[in-house]
Amino acid sequence: MPLQPCSAFSHQLSEPKGFPGFLLFLWWLLRPVLSTLGRAVAFLERPCWPQHETVYVEGLLQFLAEEDSFDPPTRSLALSSLQSFKEMGVLEEERTPAGPLLHLAQPFRCSTRRKELEASILQFFQPGAHQ
């Protein structure tokens, strides 16, 4: 079942007892993925929908490369964000003879919902979020 865009994205994390530095370790490990996912939400504003999956991925890679970032974009991270968006119900896939066609799911056609999703991802980059 896809996640619903709302307060379901807000999470409170705390350091597990007996594992000092565990959240910082996870943050460093997941930072490239979360960063790419956050930027991919911003990219949802750009394409015309529907869009073929291959065109979407190439456009996303180009969009990610435009930002001067510590984490250079990779095809693997772009594909991972695409898969996450499908699993979360942000993007819907339609099978066509020319390949998968992506549609922005109805709830996420509203910029408010996309901004909520982006904020829920980027919250992990706020000071103190990974301590």
N, C-alpha and C. Protein backbone atom coordinates (compact mmCIF):
# COMPACT_ATOMS: atom_id res chain seq x y z
N MET A 1 0.84 -1.17 0.00
CA MET A 1 0.00 0.00 0.00
C MET A 1 0.89 1.24 0.00
N PRO A 2 0.67 2.20 -0.92
CA PRO A 2 1.50 3.39 -0.97
C PRO A 2 1.34 4.25 0.27
N LEU A 3 2.42 4.92 0.63
CA LEU A 3 2.36 5.85 1.74
C LEU A 3 1.48 7.03 1.37
N GLN A 4 0.78 7.56 2.33
CA GLN A 4 -0.06 8.72 2.11
C GLN A 4 0.72 9.98 2.45
N PRO A 5 0.67 11.00 1.59
CA PRO A 5 1.40 12.22 1.86
C PRO A 5 0.72 13.05 2.95
N CYS A 6 1.31 13.06 4.11
CA CYS A 6 0.78 13.85 5.21
C CYS A 6 1.73 13.72 6.37
N SER A 7 1.23 13.77 7.57
CA SER A 7 2.09 13.66 8.73
C SER A 7 2.72 12.27 8.85
N ALA A 8 2.31 11.33 8.02
CA ALA A 8 2.90 10.00 8.05
C ALA A 8 4.37 10.05 7.68
N PHE A 9 4.80 11.15 7.05
CA PHE A 9 6.21 11.29 6.67
C PHE A 9 7.06 11.81 7.81
N SER A 10 6.48 12.31 8.86
CA SER A 10 7.22 12.91 9.96
C SER A 10 7.62 11.83 10.96
N HIS A 11 8.91 11.74 11.21
CA HIS A 11 9.42 10.72 12.12
C HIS A 11 10.36 11.34 13.14
N GLN A 12 10.39 10.80 14.32
CA GLN A 12 11.28 11.23 15.37
C GLN A 12 12.28 10.11 15.60
N LEU A 13 13.56 10.42 15.52
CA LEU A 13 14.60 9.41 15.70
C LEU A 13 15.35 9.68 16.99
N SER A 14 15.79 8.61 17.63
CA SER A 14 16.64 8.75 18.81
C SER A 14 17.73 7.69 18.76
N GLU A 15 18.83 8.01 19.39
CA GLU A 15 20.00 7.13 19.41
C GLU A 15 19.65 5.85 20.19
N PRO A 16 19.88 4.67 19.59
CA PRO A 16 19.63 3.42 20.33
C PRO A 16 20.61 3.29 21.51
N LYS A 17 20.11 2.83 22.63
CA LYS A 17 20.96 2.63 23.81
C LYS A 17 22.02 1.58 23.49
N GLY A 18 23.23 1.86 23.87
CA GLY A 18 24.33 0.93 23.66
C GLY A 18 24.98 1.03 22.29
N PHE A 19 24.51 1.96 21.45
CA PHE A 19 25.07 2.12 20.11
C PHE A 19 25.37 3.60 19.84
N PRO A 20 26.33 4.16 20.57
CA PRO A 20 26.63 5.58 20.34
C PRO A 20 27.15 5.80 18.92
N GLY A 21 26.67 6.85 18.31
CA GLY A 21 27.10 7.18 16.95
C GLY A 21 26.37 6.43 15.86
N PHE A 22 25.41 5.58 16.23
CA PHE A 22 24.71 4.77 15.24
C PHE A 22 23.93 5.63 14.26
N LEU A 23 23.21 6.65 14.75
CA LEU A 23 22.43 7.50 13.85
C LEU A 23 23.33 8.32 12.93
N LEU A 24 24.46 8.76 13.45
CA LEU A 24 25.40 9.49 12.61
C LEU A 24 25.94 8.58 11.50
N PHE A 25 26.24 7.34 11.86
CA PHE A 25 26.68 6.36 10.86
C PHE A 25 25.61 6.15 9.80
N LEU A 26 24.36 5.96 10.21
CA LEU A 26 23.27 5.77 9.25
C LEU A 26 23.09 7.00 8.37
N TRP A 27 23.20 8.18 8.98
CA TRP A 27 23.05 9.42 8.21
C TRP A 27 24.10 9.50 7.12
N TRP A 28 25.35 9.22 7.46
CA TRP A 28 26.42 9.27 6.44
C TRP A 28 26.20 8.20 5.37
N LEU A 29 25.72 7.06 5.77
CA LEU A 29 25.46 5.98 4.84
C LEU A 29 24.33 6.31 3.88
N LEU A 30 23.27 6.93 4.40
CA LEU A 30 22.07 7.20 3.62
C LEU A 30 22.05 8.59 2.98
N ARG A 31 23.00 9.44 3.32
CA ARG A 31 23.01 10.81 2.82
C ARG A 31 22.91 10.90 1.31
N PRO A 32 23.70 10.16 0.52
CA PRO A 32 23.56 10.27 -0.94
C PRO A 32 22.17 9.87 -1.44
N VAL A 33 21.59 8.85 -0.83
CA VAL A 33 20.26 8.39 -1.23
C VAL A 33 19.21 9.44 -0.88
N LEU A 34 19.27 9.95 0.34
CA LEU A 34 18.28 10.95 0.78
C LEU A 34 18.44 12.26 0.00
N SER A 35 19.68 12.64 -0.26
CA SER A 35 19.93 13.85 -1.03
C SER A 35 19.35 13.73 -2.44
N THR A 36 19.61 12.60 -3.09
CA THR A 36 19.08 12.36 -4.43
C THR A 36 17.56 12.32 -4.41
N LEU A 37 16.99 11.68 -3.42
CA LEU A 37 15.53 11.60 -3.32
C LEU A 37 14.92 12.98 -3.13
N GLY A 38 15.54 13.80 -2.29
CA GLY A 38 15.05 15.16 -2.09
C GLY A 38 15.11 15.99 -3.36
N ARG A 39 16.19 15.89 -4.10
CA ARG A 39 16.32 16.61 -5.36
C ARG A 39 15.35 16.05 -6.40
N ALA A 40 15.12 14.74 -6.36
CA ALA A 40 14.19 14.13 -7.32
C ALA A 40 12.77 14.65 -7.10
N VAL A 41 12.41 14.97 -5.86
CA VAL A 41 11.08 15.56 -5.61
C VAL A 41 11.00 16.90 -6.31
N ALA A 42 12.07 17.70 -6.22
CA ALA A 42 12.08 19.00 -6.90
C ALA A 42 11.97 18.82 -8.41
N PHE A 43 12.55 17.75 -8.93
CA PHE A 43 12.50 17.47 -10.36
C PHE A 43 11.08 17.16 -10.83
N LEU A 44 10.23 16.67 -9.95
CA LEU A 44 8.86 16.34 -10.33
C LEU A 44 8.11 17.55 -10.88
N GLU A 45 8.58 18.75 -10.57
CA GLU A 45 7.96 19.98 -11.07
C GLU A 45 8.22 20.18 -12.56
N ARG A 46 9.32 19.65 -13.07
CA ARG A 46 9.78 19.95 -14.42
C ARG A 46 9.11 19.17 -15.55
N PRO A 47 9.08 17.85 -15.49
CA PRO A 47 8.61 17.11 -16.67
C PRO A 47 7.13 17.33 -16.97
N CYS A 48 6.83 17.16 -18.23
CA CYS A 48 5.43 17.09 -18.64
C CYS A 48 4.99 15.65 -18.44
N TRP A 49 3.82 15.47 -17.90
CA TRP A 49 3.33 14.12 -17.61
C TRP A 49 2.23 13.78 -18.59
N PRO A 50 2.11 12.51 -18.99
CA PRO A 50 2.97 11.37 -18.69
C PRO A 50 4.30 11.46 -19.45
N GLN A 51 5.24 10.61 -19.02
CA GLN A 51 6.57 10.63 -19.59
C GLN A 51 7.14 9.21 -19.60
N HIS A 52 7.83 8.87 -20.67
CA HIS A 52 8.47 7.54 -20.71
C HIS A 52 9.57 7.46 -19.66
N GLU A 53 9.69 6.31 -19.06
CA GLU A 53 10.64 6.11 -17.96
C GLU A 53 12.07 6.46 -18.36
N THR A 54 12.49 6.07 -19.54
CA THR A 54 13.87 6.35 -19.96
C THR A 54 14.10 7.86 -20.08
N VAL A 55 13.12 8.59 -20.58
CA VAL A 55 13.22 10.04 -20.71
C VAL A 55 13.27 10.68 -19.32
N TYR A 56 12.46 10.16 -18.42
CA TYR A 56 12.44 10.66 -17.04
C TYR A 56 13.80 10.48 -16.38
N VAL A 57 14.37 9.28 -16.49
CA VAL A 57 15.66 8.99 -15.84
C VAL A 57 16.76 9.88 -16.41
N GLU A 58 16.82 10.03 -17.72
CA GLU A 58 17.84 10.89 -18.33
C GLU A 58 17.66 12.34 -17.91
N GLY A 59 16.42 12.80 -17.87
CA GLY A 59 16.13 14.17 -17.42
C GLY A 59 16.51 14.38 -15.97
N LEU A 60 16.22 13.38 -15.13
CA LEU A 60 16.58 13.46 -13.72
C LEU A 60 18.09 13.52 -13.55
N LEU A 61 18.81 12.69 -14.28
CA LEU A 61 20.28 12.72 -14.19
C LEU A 61 20.83 14.08 -14.59
N GLN A 62 20.29 14.66 -15.64
CA GLN A 62 20.73 15.98 -16.08
C GLN A 62 20.40 17.03 -15.01
N PHE A 63 19.21 16.95 -14.44
CA PHE A 63 18.79 17.87 -13.39
C PHE A 63 19.72 17.77 -12.17
N LEU A 64 20.03 16.54 -11.77
CA LEU A 64 20.90 16.33 -10.63
C LEU A 64 22.31 16.85 -10.88
N ALA A 65 22.77 16.74 -12.12
CA ALA A 65 24.12 17.20 -12.47
C ALA A 65 24.23 18.72 -12.46
N GLU A 66 23.10 19.41 -12.58
CA GLU A 66 23.10 20.88 -12.59
C GLU A 66 23.48 21.45 -11.23
N GLU A 67 23.26 20.68 -10.18
CA GLU A 67 23.55 21.17 -8.83
C GLU A 67 24.99 20.84 -8.47
N ASP A 68 25.69 21.84 -7.97
CA ASP A 68 27.05 21.63 -7.49
C ASP A 68 26.95 21.00 -6.11
N SER A 69 27.12 19.70 -6.07
CA SER A 69 26.85 18.96 -4.85
C SER A 69 28.04 18.11 -4.46
N PHE A 70 28.09 17.80 -3.17
CA PHE A 70 29.12 16.91 -2.65
C PHE A 70 28.93 15.50 -3.21
N ASP A 71 27.68 15.15 -3.49
CA ASP A 71 27.36 13.82 -4.01
C ASP A 71 27.05 13.90 -5.49
N PRO A 72 27.98 13.48 -6.35
CA PRO A 72 27.68 13.51 -7.78
C PRO A 72 26.56 12.52 -8.12
N PRO A 73 25.72 12.87 -9.08
CA PRO A 73 24.61 11.98 -9.43
C PRO A 73 25.10 10.70 -10.10
N THR A 74 24.42 9.62 -9.81
CA THR A 74 24.72 8.35 -10.46
C THR A 74 23.41 7.77 -10.99
N ARG A 75 23.51 6.97 -12.01
CA ARG A 75 22.34 6.30 -12.57
C ARG A 75 21.69 5.42 -11.50
N SER A 76 22.50 4.78 -10.69
CA SER A 76 21.98 3.91 -9.65
C SER A 76 21.10 4.68 -8.66
N LEU A 77 21.56 5.86 -8.24
CA LEU A 77 20.76 6.66 -7.31
C LEU A 77 19.50 7.20 -7.98
N ALA A 78 19.59 7.57 -9.25
CA ALA A 78 18.41 8.04 -9.98
C ALA A 78 17.38 6.92 -10.10
N LEU A 79 17.83 5.72 -10.43
CA LEU A 79 16.92 4.58 -10.53
C LEU A 79 16.34 4.21 -9.18
N SER A 80 17.14 4.35 -8.14
CA SER A 80 16.66 4.07 -6.79
C SER A 80 15.56 5.04 -6.40
N SER A 81 15.73 6.33 -6.72
CA SER A 81 14.69 7.30 -6.39
C SER A 81 13.43 7.03 -7.20
N LEU A 82 13.58 6.63 -8.46
CA LEU A 82 12.43 6.27 -9.29
C LEU A 82 11.67 5.11 -8.66
N GLN A 83 12.39 4.08 -8.26
CA GLN A 83 11.75 2.92 -7.63
C GLN A 83 11.05 3.32 -6.33
N SER A 84 11.70 4.17 -5.55
CA SER A 84 11.08 4.64 -4.30
C SER A 84 9.79 5.39 -4.59
N PHE A 85 9.80 6.25 -5.59
CA PHE A 85 8.60 7.00 -5.95
C PHE A 85 7.48 6.07 -6.40
N LYS A 86 7.82 5.01 -7.11
CA LYS A 86 6.79 4.05 -7.52
C LYS A 86 6.21 3.34 -6.29
N GLU A 87 7.10 2.90 -5.39
CA GLU A 87 6.65 2.18 -4.20
C GLU A 87 5.85 3.06 -3.25
N MET A 88 6.17 4.35 -3.21
CA MET A 88 5.46 5.28 -2.33
C MET A 88 4.16 5.78 -2.95
N GLY A 89 3.93 5.46 -4.22
CA GLY A 89 2.72 5.90 -4.88
C GLY A 89 2.81 7.32 -5.43
N VAL A 90 4.02 7.86 -5.54
CA VAL A 90 4.21 9.19 -6.10
C VAL A 90 4.10 9.12 -7.62
N LEU A 91 4.72 8.11 -8.20
CA LEU A 91 4.65 7.88 -9.64
C LEU A 91 3.92 6.56 -9.90
N GLU A 92 3.10 6.57 -10.93
CA GLU A 92 2.39 5.36 -11.35
C GLU A 92 2.93 4.96 -12.72
N GLU A 93 3.05 3.68 -12.93
CA GLU A 93 3.62 3.15 -14.17
C GLU A 93 2.54 2.49 -15.01
N GLU A 94 2.56 2.83 -16.27
CA GLU A 94 1.66 2.20 -17.24
C GLU A 94 2.54 1.48 -18.25
N ARG A 95 2.27 0.20 -18.46
CA ARG A 95 3.02 -0.59 -19.44
C ARG A 95 2.51 -0.26 -20.83
N THR A 96 3.44 0.09 -21.73
CA THR A 96 3.09 0.36 -23.12
C THR A 96 4.06 -0.41 -24.01
N PRO A 97 3.73 -0.61 -25.28
CA PRO A 97 4.66 -1.30 -26.19
C PRO A 97 6.01 -0.57 -26.31
N ALA A 98 6.02 0.75 -26.10
CA ALA A 98 7.25 1.53 -26.19
C ALA A 98 8.03 1.55 -24.87
N GLY A 99 7.51 0.86 -23.87
CA GLY A 99 8.17 0.84 -22.56
C GLY A 99 7.30 1.51 -21.52
N PRO A 100 7.76 1.49 -20.26
CA PRO A 100 6.96 2.05 -19.17
C PRO A 100 6.71 3.55 -19.36
N LEU A 101 5.47 3.95 -19.10
CA LEU A 101 5.06 5.34 -19.17
C LEU A 101 4.73 5.76 -17.74
N LEU A 102 5.35 6.84 -17.27
CA LEU A 102 5.16 7.30 -15.90
C LEU A 102 4.12 8.41 -15.84
N HIS A 103 3.28 8.33 -14.81
CA HIS A 103 2.28 9.35 -14.53
C HIS A 103 2.52 9.83 -13.10
N LEU A 104 2.39 11.11 -12.88
CA LEU A 104 2.43 11.65 -11.52
C LEU A 104 1.09 11.30 -10.88
N ALA A 105 1.12 10.60 -9.76
CA ALA A 105 -0.11 10.16 -9.09
C ALA A 105 -0.93 11.37 -8.68
N GLN A 106 -2.24 11.21 -8.70
CA GLN A 106 -3.17 12.31 -8.43
C GLN A 106 -2.83 13.11 -7.17
N PRO A 107 -2.58 12.47 -6.02
CA PRO A 107 -2.31 13.27 -4.82
C PRO A 107 -1.08 14.18 -4.96
N PHE A 108 -0.12 13.77 -5.77
CA PHE A 108 1.13 14.52 -5.89
C PHE A 108 1.12 15.52 -7.04
N ARG A 109 -0.01 15.66 -7.69
CA ARG A 109 -0.13 16.70 -8.72
C ARG A 109 -0.25 18.07 -8.06
N CYS A 110 -0.59 18.05 -6.80
CA CYS A 110 -0.70 19.27 -6.00
C CYS A 110 0.69 19.61 -5.45
N SER A 111 1.15 20.83 -5.69
CA SER A 111 2.49 21.21 -5.24
C SER A 111 2.64 21.14 -3.72
N THR A 112 1.54 21.32 -3.00
CA THR A 112 1.60 21.23 -1.54
C THR A 112 2.02 19.84 -1.10
N ARG A 113 1.48 18.83 -1.73
CA ARG A 113 1.83 17.45 -1.38
C ARG A 113 3.29 17.14 -1.72
N ARG A 114 3.76 17.65 -2.85
CA ARG A 114 5.16 17.44 -3.22
C ARG A 114 6.09 18.14 -2.22
N LYS A 115 5.70 19.33 -1.78
CA LYS A 115 6.51 20.07 -0.81
C LYS A 115 6.54 19.35 0.54
N GLU A 116 5.43 18.74 0.93
CA GLU A 116 5.39 17.94 2.16
C GLU A 116 6.35 16.76 2.06
N LEU A 117 6.34 16.10 0.92
CA LEU A 117 7.23 14.97 0.71
C LEU A 117 8.68 15.43 0.76
N GLU A 118 8.98 16.51 0.07
CA GLU A 118 10.35 17.03 0.06
C GLU A 118 10.80 17.41 1.47
N ALA A 119 9.93 18.07 2.23
CA ALA A 119 10.27 18.47 3.60
C ALA A 119 10.52 17.25 4.48
N SER A 120 9.74 16.19 4.27
CA SER A 120 9.92 14.98 5.08
C SER A 120 11.26 14.32 4.80
N ILE A 121 11.75 14.44 3.59
CA ILE A 121 13.06 13.87 3.24
C ILE A 121 14.17 14.79 3.73
N LEU A 122 14.02 16.07 3.48
CA LEU A 122 15.07 17.02 3.82
C LEU A 122 15.19 17.29 5.32
N GLN A 123 14.21 16.85 6.11
CA GLN A 123 14.30 17.03 7.56
C GLN A 123 15.55 16.34 8.11
N PHE A 124 16.04 15.33 7.43
CA PHE A 124 17.22 14.60 7.89
C PHE A 124 18.50 15.39 7.67
N PHE A 125 18.40 16.52 6.97
CA PHE A 125 19.57 17.37 6.74
C PHE A 125 19.57 18.58 7.65
N GLN A 126 18.58 18.70 8.53
CA GLN A 126 18.52 19.82 9.45
C GLN A 126 19.53 19.59 10.57
N PRO A 127 20.11 20.67 11.09
CA PRO A 127 21.07 20.52 12.21
C PRO A 127 20.46 19.72 13.35
N GLY A 128 21.20 18.76 13.83
CA GLY A 128 20.75 17.95 14.95
C GLY A 128 19.90 16.77 14.56
N ALA A 129 19.52 16.66 13.30
CA ALA A 129 18.65 15.55 12.88
C ALA A 129 19.36 14.22 12.94
N HIS A 130 20.68 14.24 12.83
CA HIS A 130 21.42 12.97 12.79
C HIS A 130 22.30 12.78 14.02
N GLN A 131 22.00 13.49 15.08
CA GLN A 131 22.82 13.35 16.28
C GLN A 131 22.13 12.50 17.30
